[in-house]
Amino acid sequence: EPALLAARLLDVAPLHCLFVGDYDMDVCCGLAARMRTVLIPSRRPGPSTPKPDYEFSSALELVGLIRDLNRI
């Protein structure tokens, strides 16, 4: 619900959002909100961690993704 509230407050459809987090629960939250998910793990993901749309080792890698997504 917090992710959907943020999207509503920004007047952006969830499918146009990126939900970025560092834990498996962040990926679950983004997926439940039907947002694209980005995992930048602060620890090694476990075997039951849901598959995010993107996984990076650093937030700096988000820059290229955001640029690419804005070209679509």
C-alpha atoms as a PDB file:
ATOM      1  CA  GLU A   1       0.000   0.000   0.000  1.00  0.00           C
ATOM      2  CA  PRO A   2       2.785   2.564   0.707  1.00  0.00           C
ATOM      3  CA  ALA A   3       4.170   2.073  -2.809  1.00  0.00           C
ATOM      4  CA  LEU A   4       0.747   2.592  -4.366  1.00  0.00           C
ATOM      5  CA  LEU A   5       0.165   5.664  -2.198  1.00  0.00           C
ATOM      6  CA  ALA A   6       3.455   7.165  -3.379  1.00  0.00           C
ATOM      7  CA  ALA A   7       2.484   6.555  -7.002  1.00  0.00           C
ATOM      8  CA  ARG A   8      -0.939   8.144  -6.452  1.00  0.00           C
ATOM      9  CA  LEU A   9       0.568  11.185  -4.740  1.00  0.00           C
ATOM     10  CA  LEU A  10       2.942  11.640  -7.678  1.00  0.00           C
ATOM     11  CA  ASP A  11       0.132  10.956 -10.157  1.00  0.00           C
ATOM     12  CA  VAL A  12       2.175   8.222 -11.836  1.00  0.00           C
ATOM     13  CA  ALA A  13       0.829   4.832 -12.849  1.00  0.00           C
ATOM     14  CA  PRO A  14       2.539   1.993 -10.942  1.00  0.00           C
ATOM     15  CA  LEU A  15       3.718   0.417 -14.201  1.00  0.00           C
ATOM     16  CA  HIS A  16       5.764   3.583 -14.818  1.00  0.00           C
ATOM     17  CA  CYS A  17       7.479   3.343 -11.420  1.00  0.00           C
ATOM     18  CA  LEU A  18      10.696   1.714 -10.290  1.00  0.00           C
ATOM     19  CA  PHE A  19      10.636   0.254  -6.806  1.00  0.00           C
ATOM     20  CA  VAL A  20      14.225   0.158  -5.581  1.00  0.00           C
ATOM     21  CA  GLY A  21      15.235  -1.739  -2.483  1.00  0.00           C
ATOM     22  CA  ASP A  22      17.963  -3.751  -0.827  1.00  0.00           C
ATOM     23  CA  TYR A  23      16.011  -6.679   0.679  1.00  0.00           C
ATOM     24  CA  ASP A  24      13.738  -9.414  -0.597  1.00  0.00           C
ATOM     25  CA  MET A  25      10.716  -7.770   1.039  1.00  0.00           C
ATOM     26  CA  ASP A  26      11.338  -4.671  -1.084  1.00  0.00           C
ATOM     27  CA  VAL A  27      11.096  -6.786  -4.219  1.00  0.00           C
ATOM     28  CA  CYS A  28       7.887  -8.372  -2.896  1.00  0.00           C
ATOM     29  CA  CYS A  29       6.397  -4.931  -2.215  1.00  0.00           C
ATOM     30  CA  GLY A  30       7.244  -3.628  -5.680  1.00  0.00           C
ATOM     31  CA  LEU A  31       5.915  -6.732  -7.382  1.00  0.00           C
ATOM     32  CA  ALA A  32       2.682  -6.573  -5.366  1.00  0.00           C
ATOM     33  CA  ALA A  33       2.245  -2.961  -6.484  1.00  0.00           C
ATOM     34  CA  ARG A  34       2.877  -4.043 -10.106  1.00  0.00           C
ATOM     35  CA  MET A  35       5.941  -1.830 -10.348  1.00  0.00           C
ATOM     36  CA  ARG A  36       9.242  -2.657 -11.967  1.00  0.00           C
ATOM     37  CA  THR A  37      11.626  -3.758  -9.256  1.00  0.00           C
ATOM     38  CA  VAL A  38      15.306  -3.082  -8.724  1.00  0.00           C
ATOM     39  CA  LEU A  39      17.323  -4.957  -6.135  1.00  0.00           C
ATOM     40  CA  ILE A  40      20.596  -3.500  -4.889  1.00  0.00           C
ATOM     41  CA  PRO A  41      21.314  -6.091  -2.219  1.00  0.00           C
ATOM     42  CA  SER A  42      22.924  -5.066   1.041  1.00  0.00           C
ATOM     43  CA  ARG A  43      23.446  -8.760   1.719  1.00  0.00           C
ATOM     44  CA  ARG A  44      23.485 -11.884  -0.425  1.00  0.00           C
ATOM     45  CA  PRO A  45      19.929 -12.664  -1.583  1.00  0.00           C
ATOM     46  CA  GLY A  46      18.528 -15.937  -0.288  1.00  0.00           C
ATOM     47  CA  PRO A  47      17.237 -18.764  -2.468  1.00  0.00           C
ATOM     48  CA  SER A  48      13.618 -17.725  -1.868  1.00  0.00           C
ATOM     49  CA  THR A  49      14.170 -14.079  -2.859  1.00  0.00           C
ATOM     50  CA  PRO A  50      11.734 -13.229  -5.651  1.00  0.00           C
ATOM     51  CA  LYS A  51      13.315 -12.323  -8.970  1.00  0.00           C
ATOM     52  CA  PRO A  52      13.506  -8.558  -9.451  1.00  0.00           C
ATOM     53  CA  ASP A  53      13.290  -7.011 -12.900  1.00  0.00           C
ATOM     54  CA  TYR A  54      16.811  -5.636 -12.448  1.00  0.00           C
ATOM     55  CA  GLU A  55      19.619  -6.331 -10.004  1.00  0.00           C
ATOM     56  CA  PHE A  56      22.605  -4.033  -9.550  1.00  0.00           C
ATOM     57  CA  SER A  57      25.542  -3.926  -7.203  1.00  0.00           C
ATOM     58  CA  SER A  58      25.466  -0.123  -6.900  1.00  0.00           C
ATOM     59  CA  ALA A  59      22.896   2.664  -7.080  1.00  0.00           C
ATOM     60  CA  LEU A  60      25.118   4.333  -9.685  1.00  0.00           C
ATOM     61  CA  GLU A  61      23.978   1.667 -12.137  1.00  0.00           C
ATOM     62  CA  LEU A  62      20.437   3.055 -11.909  1.00  0.00           C
ATOM     63  CA  VAL A  63      21.422   6.074 -13.995  1.00  0.00           C
ATOM     64  CA  GLY A  64      21.771   4.064 -17.196  1.00  0.00           C
ATOM     65  CA  LEU A  65      18.540   2.175 -16.547  1.00  0.00           C
ATOM     66  CA  ILE A  66      16.573   5.365 -15.951  1.00  0.00           C
ATOM     67  CA  ARG A  67      17.992   6.889 -19.117  1.00  0.00           C
ATOM     68  CA  ASP A  68      17.078   3.779 -21.109  1.00  0.00           C
ATOM     69  CA  LEU A  69      13.554   3.639 -19.692  1.00  0.00           C
ATOM     70  CA  ASN A  70      12.953   7.296 -20.485  1.00  0.00           C
ATOM     71  CA  ARG A  71      13.720   6.605 -24.169  1.00  0.00           C
ATOM     72  CA  ILE A  72      10.874   4.086 -24.395  1.00  0.00           C
END
